[in-house]
């Protein structure tokens, strides 16, 4: 994890507390970088996260699907014969 501290000097203990805070607040997301802007009593935290891979979902023949691999032969033929409109 990349950590940037701007402004006042912070102890490693305080930086670790901000890292723990971000991990608790954003459970399930991986923090790739953190920027801490410190100005006296004021501290601004900015977290950056790693990208989450996702699968594209489309509506085909009335079903929400990512791929056609689970379609039976009838649904595959229906998808092949459908009229595709352009914008």
N, C-alpha and C. Protein backbone atom coordinates (compact mmCIF):
# COMPACT_ATOMS: atom_id res chain seq x y z
N UNK A 1 0.85 -1.17 0.00
CA UNK A 1 0.00 0.00 0.00
C UNK A 1 0.89 1.23 0.00
N UNK A 2 0.54 2.19 -0.86
CA UNK A 2 1.29 3.44 -0.93
C UNK A 2 0.66 4.45 0.01
N UNK A 3 1.48 5.09 0.83
CA UNK A 3 0.98 6.06 1.81
C UNK A 3 1.67 7.39 1.57
N UNK A 4 0.88 8.45 1.37
CA UNK A 4 1.39 9.80 1.18
C UNK A 4 0.91 10.66 2.34
N UNK A 5 1.84 11.32 3.01
CA UNK A 5 1.49 12.23 4.11
C UNK A 5 1.87 13.64 3.66
N UNK A 6 0.88 14.53 3.67
CA UNK A 6 1.09 15.92 3.23
C UNK A 6 0.80 16.83 4.42
N UNK A 7 1.70 17.76 4.65
CA UNK A 7 1.51 18.71 5.77
C UNK A 7 2.34 18.30 6.96
N UNK A 8 1.70 18.24 8.11
CA UNK A 8 2.39 17.94 9.37
C UNK A 8 2.97 16.52 9.39
N UNK A 9 3.96 16.33 10.26
CA UNK A 9 4.55 15.01 10.46
C UNK A 9 3.60 14.16 11.31
N UNK A 10 3.47 12.90 10.96
CA UNK A 10 2.64 11.96 11.72
C UNK A 10 3.48 10.80 12.19
N UNK A 11 3.16 10.28 13.36
CA UNK A 11 3.87 9.10 13.86
C UNK A 11 3.38 7.87 13.10
N UNK A 12 4.19 6.84 13.10
CA UNK A 12 3.80 5.60 12.44
C UNK A 12 2.56 4.99 13.10
N UNK A 13 2.44 5.18 14.40
CA UNK A 13 1.27 4.68 15.14
C UNK A 13 -0.01 5.35 14.63
N UNK A 14 0.06 6.67 14.39
CA UNK A 14 -1.12 7.39 13.90
C UNK A 14 -1.45 6.96 12.46
N UNK A 15 -0.45 6.78 11.63
CA UNK A 15 -0.67 6.31 10.25
C UNK A 15 -1.32 4.93 10.27
N UNK A 16 -0.84 4.05 11.13
CA UNK A 16 -1.43 2.71 11.24
C UNK A 16 -2.89 2.78 11.69
N UNK A 17 -3.21 3.75 12.57
CA UNK A 17 -4.59 3.91 13.02
C UNK A 17 -5.48 4.33 11.85
N UNK A 18 -4.99 5.20 10.96
CA UNK A 18 -5.77 5.62 9.79
C UNK A 18 -5.94 4.46 8.80
N UNK A 19 -4.92 3.62 8.67
CA UNK A 19 -5.04 2.44 7.81
C UNK A 19 -6.10 1.50 8.37
N UNK A 20 -6.06 1.23 9.67
CA UNK A 20 -7.07 0.37 10.30
C UNK A 20 -8.47 0.95 10.16
N UNK A 21 -8.59 2.28 10.30
CA UNK A 21 -9.89 2.93 10.14
C UNK A 21 -10.44 2.69 8.73
N UNK A 22 -9.59 2.86 7.72
CA UNK A 22 -10.02 2.64 6.34
C UNK A 22 -10.41 1.21 6.07
N UNK A 23 -9.67 0.27 6.61
CA UNK A 23 -9.99 -1.15 6.43
C UNK A 23 -11.32 -1.52 7.07
N UNK A 24 -11.61 -0.93 8.24
CA UNK A 24 -12.89 -1.21 8.91
C UNK A 24 -14.05 -0.53 8.18
N UNK A 25 -13.83 0.68 7.72
CA UNK A 25 -14.89 1.44 7.05
C UNK A 25 -15.23 0.85 5.69
N UNK A 26 -14.22 0.38 4.95
CA UNK A 26 -14.41 -0.13 3.60
C UNK A 26 -14.14 -1.63 3.55
N UNK A 27 -14.81 -2.38 4.38
CA UNK A 27 -14.65 -3.84 4.40
C UNK A 27 -14.96 -4.43 3.03
N UNK A 28 -14.18 -5.41 2.63
CA UNK A 28 -14.41 -6.07 1.35
C UNK A 28 -13.74 -5.38 0.17
N UNK A 29 -13.15 -4.22 0.39
CA UNK A 29 -12.43 -3.53 -0.69
C UNK A 29 -10.96 -3.44 -0.30
N UNK A 30 -10.09 -3.59 -1.28
CA UNK A 30 -8.66 -3.54 -1.02
C UNK A 30 -8.13 -2.13 -1.28
N UNK A 31 -7.52 -1.54 -0.26
CA UNK A 31 -6.97 -0.19 -0.37
C UNK A 31 -5.60 -0.29 -1.03
N UNK A 32 -5.42 0.45 -2.14
CA UNK A 32 -4.13 0.44 -2.84
C UNK A 32 -3.26 1.62 -2.43
N UNK A 33 -3.89 2.74 -2.04
CA UNK A 33 -3.13 3.92 -1.64
C UNK A 33 -3.95 4.76 -0.67
N UNK A 34 -3.23 5.52 0.15
CA UNK A 34 -3.89 6.40 1.10
C UNK A 34 -3.12 7.72 1.15
N UNK A 35 -3.86 8.83 1.08
CA UNK A 35 -3.26 10.15 1.21
C UNK A 35 -3.81 10.79 2.47
N UNK A 36 -2.90 11.28 3.32
CA UNK A 36 -3.27 11.93 4.57
C UNK A 36 -2.81 13.38 4.48
N UNK A 37 -3.75 14.31 4.53
CA UNK A 37 -3.43 15.73 4.58
C UNK A 37 -3.65 16.19 6.01
N UNK A 38 -2.57 16.57 6.67
CA UNK A 38 -2.64 16.99 8.07
C UNK A 38 -2.32 18.47 8.19
N UNK A 39 -3.20 19.18 8.90
CA UNK A 39 -3.01 20.61 9.13
C UNK A 39 -3.44 20.92 10.56
N UNK A 40 -2.51 20.79 11.49
CA UNK A 40 -2.83 21.03 12.89
C UNK A 40 -3.75 19.94 13.41
N UNK A 41 -4.94 20.33 13.84
CA UNK A 41 -5.92 19.38 14.37
C UNK A 41 -6.76 18.74 13.27
N UNK A 42 -6.71 19.27 12.05
CA UNK A 42 -7.53 18.79 10.94
C UNK A 42 -6.77 17.74 10.13
N UNK A 43 -7.44 16.63 9.85
CA UNK A 43 -6.84 15.57 9.02
C UNK A 43 -7.84 15.16 7.96
N UNK A 44 -7.40 15.14 6.70
CA UNK A 44 -8.25 14.72 5.58
C UNK A 44 -7.67 13.41 5.04
N UNK A 45 -8.52 12.38 4.95
CA UNK A 45 -8.08 11.06 4.48
C UNK A 45 -8.68 10.79 3.11
N UNK A 46 -7.85 10.31 2.20
CA UNK A 46 -8.33 9.92 0.88
C UNK A 46 -7.79 8.51 0.60
N UNK A 47 -8.71 7.59 0.32
CA UNK A 47 -8.33 6.21 0.04
C UNK A 47 -8.54 5.92 -1.45
N UNK A 48 -7.63 5.16 -2.03
CA UNK A 48 -7.78 4.68 -3.40
C UNK A 48 -7.84 3.16 -3.33
N UNK A 49 -8.68 2.57 -4.17
CA UNK A 49 -8.93 1.14 -4.12
C UNK A 49 -8.51 0.45 -5.41
N UNK A 50 -8.20 -0.83 -5.29
CA UNK A 50 -7.90 -1.62 -6.49
C UNK A 50 -9.20 -1.86 -7.24
N UNK A 51 -9.09 -2.01 -8.54
CA UNK A 51 -10.28 -2.24 -9.37
C UNK A 51 -10.88 -3.60 -9.05
N UNK A 52 -12.20 -3.65 -9.12
CA UNK A 52 -12.93 -4.89 -8.90
C UNK A 52 -13.35 -5.42 -10.26
N UNK A 53 -12.88 -6.63 -10.63
CA UNK A 53 -13.29 -7.16 -11.93
C UNK A 53 -14.78 -7.46 -11.94
N UNK A 54 -15.42 -7.22 -13.07
CA UNK A 54 -16.84 -7.50 -13.18
C UNK A 54 -17.13 -8.10 -14.55
N UNK A 55 -18.23 -8.77 -14.63
CA UNK A 55 -18.66 -9.39 -15.87
C UNK A 55 -19.80 -8.56 -16.44
N UNK A 56 -19.73 -8.27 -17.71
CA UNK A 56 -20.77 -7.49 -18.36
C UNK A 56 -22.06 -8.30 -18.40
N UNK A 57 -23.16 -7.65 -18.05
CA UNK A 57 -24.46 -8.31 -18.07
C UNK A 57 -25.32 -7.60 -19.10
N UNK A 58 -25.97 -8.39 -19.96
CA UNK A 58 -26.83 -7.84 -21.00
C UNK A 58 -28.21 -8.48 -20.90
N UNK A 59 -29.20 -7.80 -21.44
CA UNK A 59 -30.54 -8.38 -21.53
C UNK A 59 -30.67 -8.96 -22.93
N UNK A 60 -30.78 -10.29 -22.98
CA UNK A 60 -30.93 -10.99 -24.25
C UNK A 60 -32.17 -11.85 -24.16
N UNK A 61 -33.06 -11.66 -25.09
CA UNK A 61 -34.31 -12.42 -25.17
C UNK A 61 -35.04 -12.46 -23.83
N UNK A 62 -35.02 -11.33 -23.12
CA UNK A 62 -35.76 -11.23 -21.87
C UNK A 62 -35.03 -11.72 -20.64
N UNK A 63 -33.78 -12.17 -20.78
CA UNK A 63 -33.01 -12.68 -19.64
C UNK A 63 -31.77 -11.83 -19.44
N UNK A 64 -31.38 -11.62 -18.19
CA UNK A 64 -30.12 -10.94 -17.90
C UNK A 64 -29.03 -12.00 -17.87
N UNK A 65 -28.07 -11.88 -18.79
CA UNK A 65 -27.01 -12.89 -18.90
C UNK A 65 -25.67 -12.21 -19.12
N UNK A 66 -24.61 -12.92 -18.76
CA UNK A 66 -23.26 -12.46 -19.05
C UNK A 66 -22.75 -13.08 -20.33
N UNK A 67 -23.00 -14.37 -20.49
CA UNK A 67 -22.58 -15.09 -21.70
C UNK A 67 -23.71 -16.01 -22.14
N UNK A 68 -23.58 -16.53 -23.34
CA UNK A 68 -24.62 -17.40 -23.89
C UNK A 68 -24.33 -18.88 -23.64
N UNK A 69 -23.27 -19.20 -22.94
CA UNK A 69 -22.85 -20.59 -22.81
C UNK A 69 -23.85 -21.47 -22.06
N UNK A 70 -24.75 -20.88 -21.27
CA UNK A 70 -25.73 -21.68 -20.53
C UNK A 70 -27.08 -21.75 -21.26
N UNK A 71 -27.19 -21.11 -22.42
CA UNK A 71 -28.43 -21.16 -23.19
C UNK A 71 -28.56 -22.52 -23.87
N UNK A 72 -29.81 -22.99 -23.97
CA UNK A 72 -30.04 -24.22 -24.74
C UNK A 72 -30.12 -23.86 -26.22
N UNK A 73 -30.27 -24.85 -27.08
CA UNK A 73 -30.25 -24.61 -28.53
C UNK A 73 -31.37 -23.67 -28.97
N UNK A 74 -32.55 -23.78 -28.36
CA UNK A 74 -33.67 -22.91 -28.72
C UNK A 74 -33.38 -21.46 -28.41
N UNK A 75 -32.83 -21.18 -27.23
CA UNK A 75 -32.50 -19.81 -26.86
C UNK A 75 -31.35 -19.27 -27.71
N UNK A 76 -30.40 -20.11 -28.05
CA UNK A 76 -29.30 -19.66 -28.93
C UNK A 76 -29.83 -19.28 -30.31
N UNK A 77 -30.78 -20.06 -30.83
CA UNK A 77 -31.38 -19.75 -32.13
C UNK A 77 -32.18 -18.45 -32.03
N UNK A 78 -32.90 -18.25 -30.92
CA UNK A 78 -33.68 -17.03 -30.71
C UNK A 78 -32.75 -15.81 -30.68
N UNK A 79 -31.62 -15.94 -30.03
CA UNK A 79 -30.66 -14.84 -29.97
C UNK A 79 -30.07 -14.57 -31.35
N UNK A 80 -29.80 -15.60 -32.11
CA UNK A 80 -29.22 -15.45 -33.45
C UNK A 80 -30.20 -14.76 -34.40
N UNK A 81 -31.50 -15.03 -34.25
CA UNK A 81 -32.51 -14.51 -35.17
C UNK A 81 -33.04 -13.13 -34.76
N UNK A 82 -32.65 -12.62 -33.62
CA UNK A 82 -33.21 -11.36 -33.16
C UNK A 82 -32.72 -10.18 -34.02
N UNK A 83 -33.53 -9.15 -34.07
CA UNK A 83 -33.19 -7.94 -34.83
C UNK A 83 -32.40 -7.01 -33.92
N UNK A 84 -31.21 -6.62 -34.37
CA UNK A 84 -30.36 -5.75 -33.57
C UNK A 84 -30.51 -4.33 -34.10
N UNK A 85 -30.86 -3.39 -33.24
CA UNK A 85 -31.09 -2.00 -33.62
C UNK A 85 -29.86 -1.17 -33.30
N UNK A 86 -29.59 -0.20 -34.17
CA UNK A 86 -28.47 0.70 -33.91
C UNK A 86 -29.02 2.06 -33.50
N UNK A 87 -28.21 2.81 -32.80
CA UNK A 87 -28.67 4.11 -32.31
C UNK A 87 -28.19 5.20 -33.25
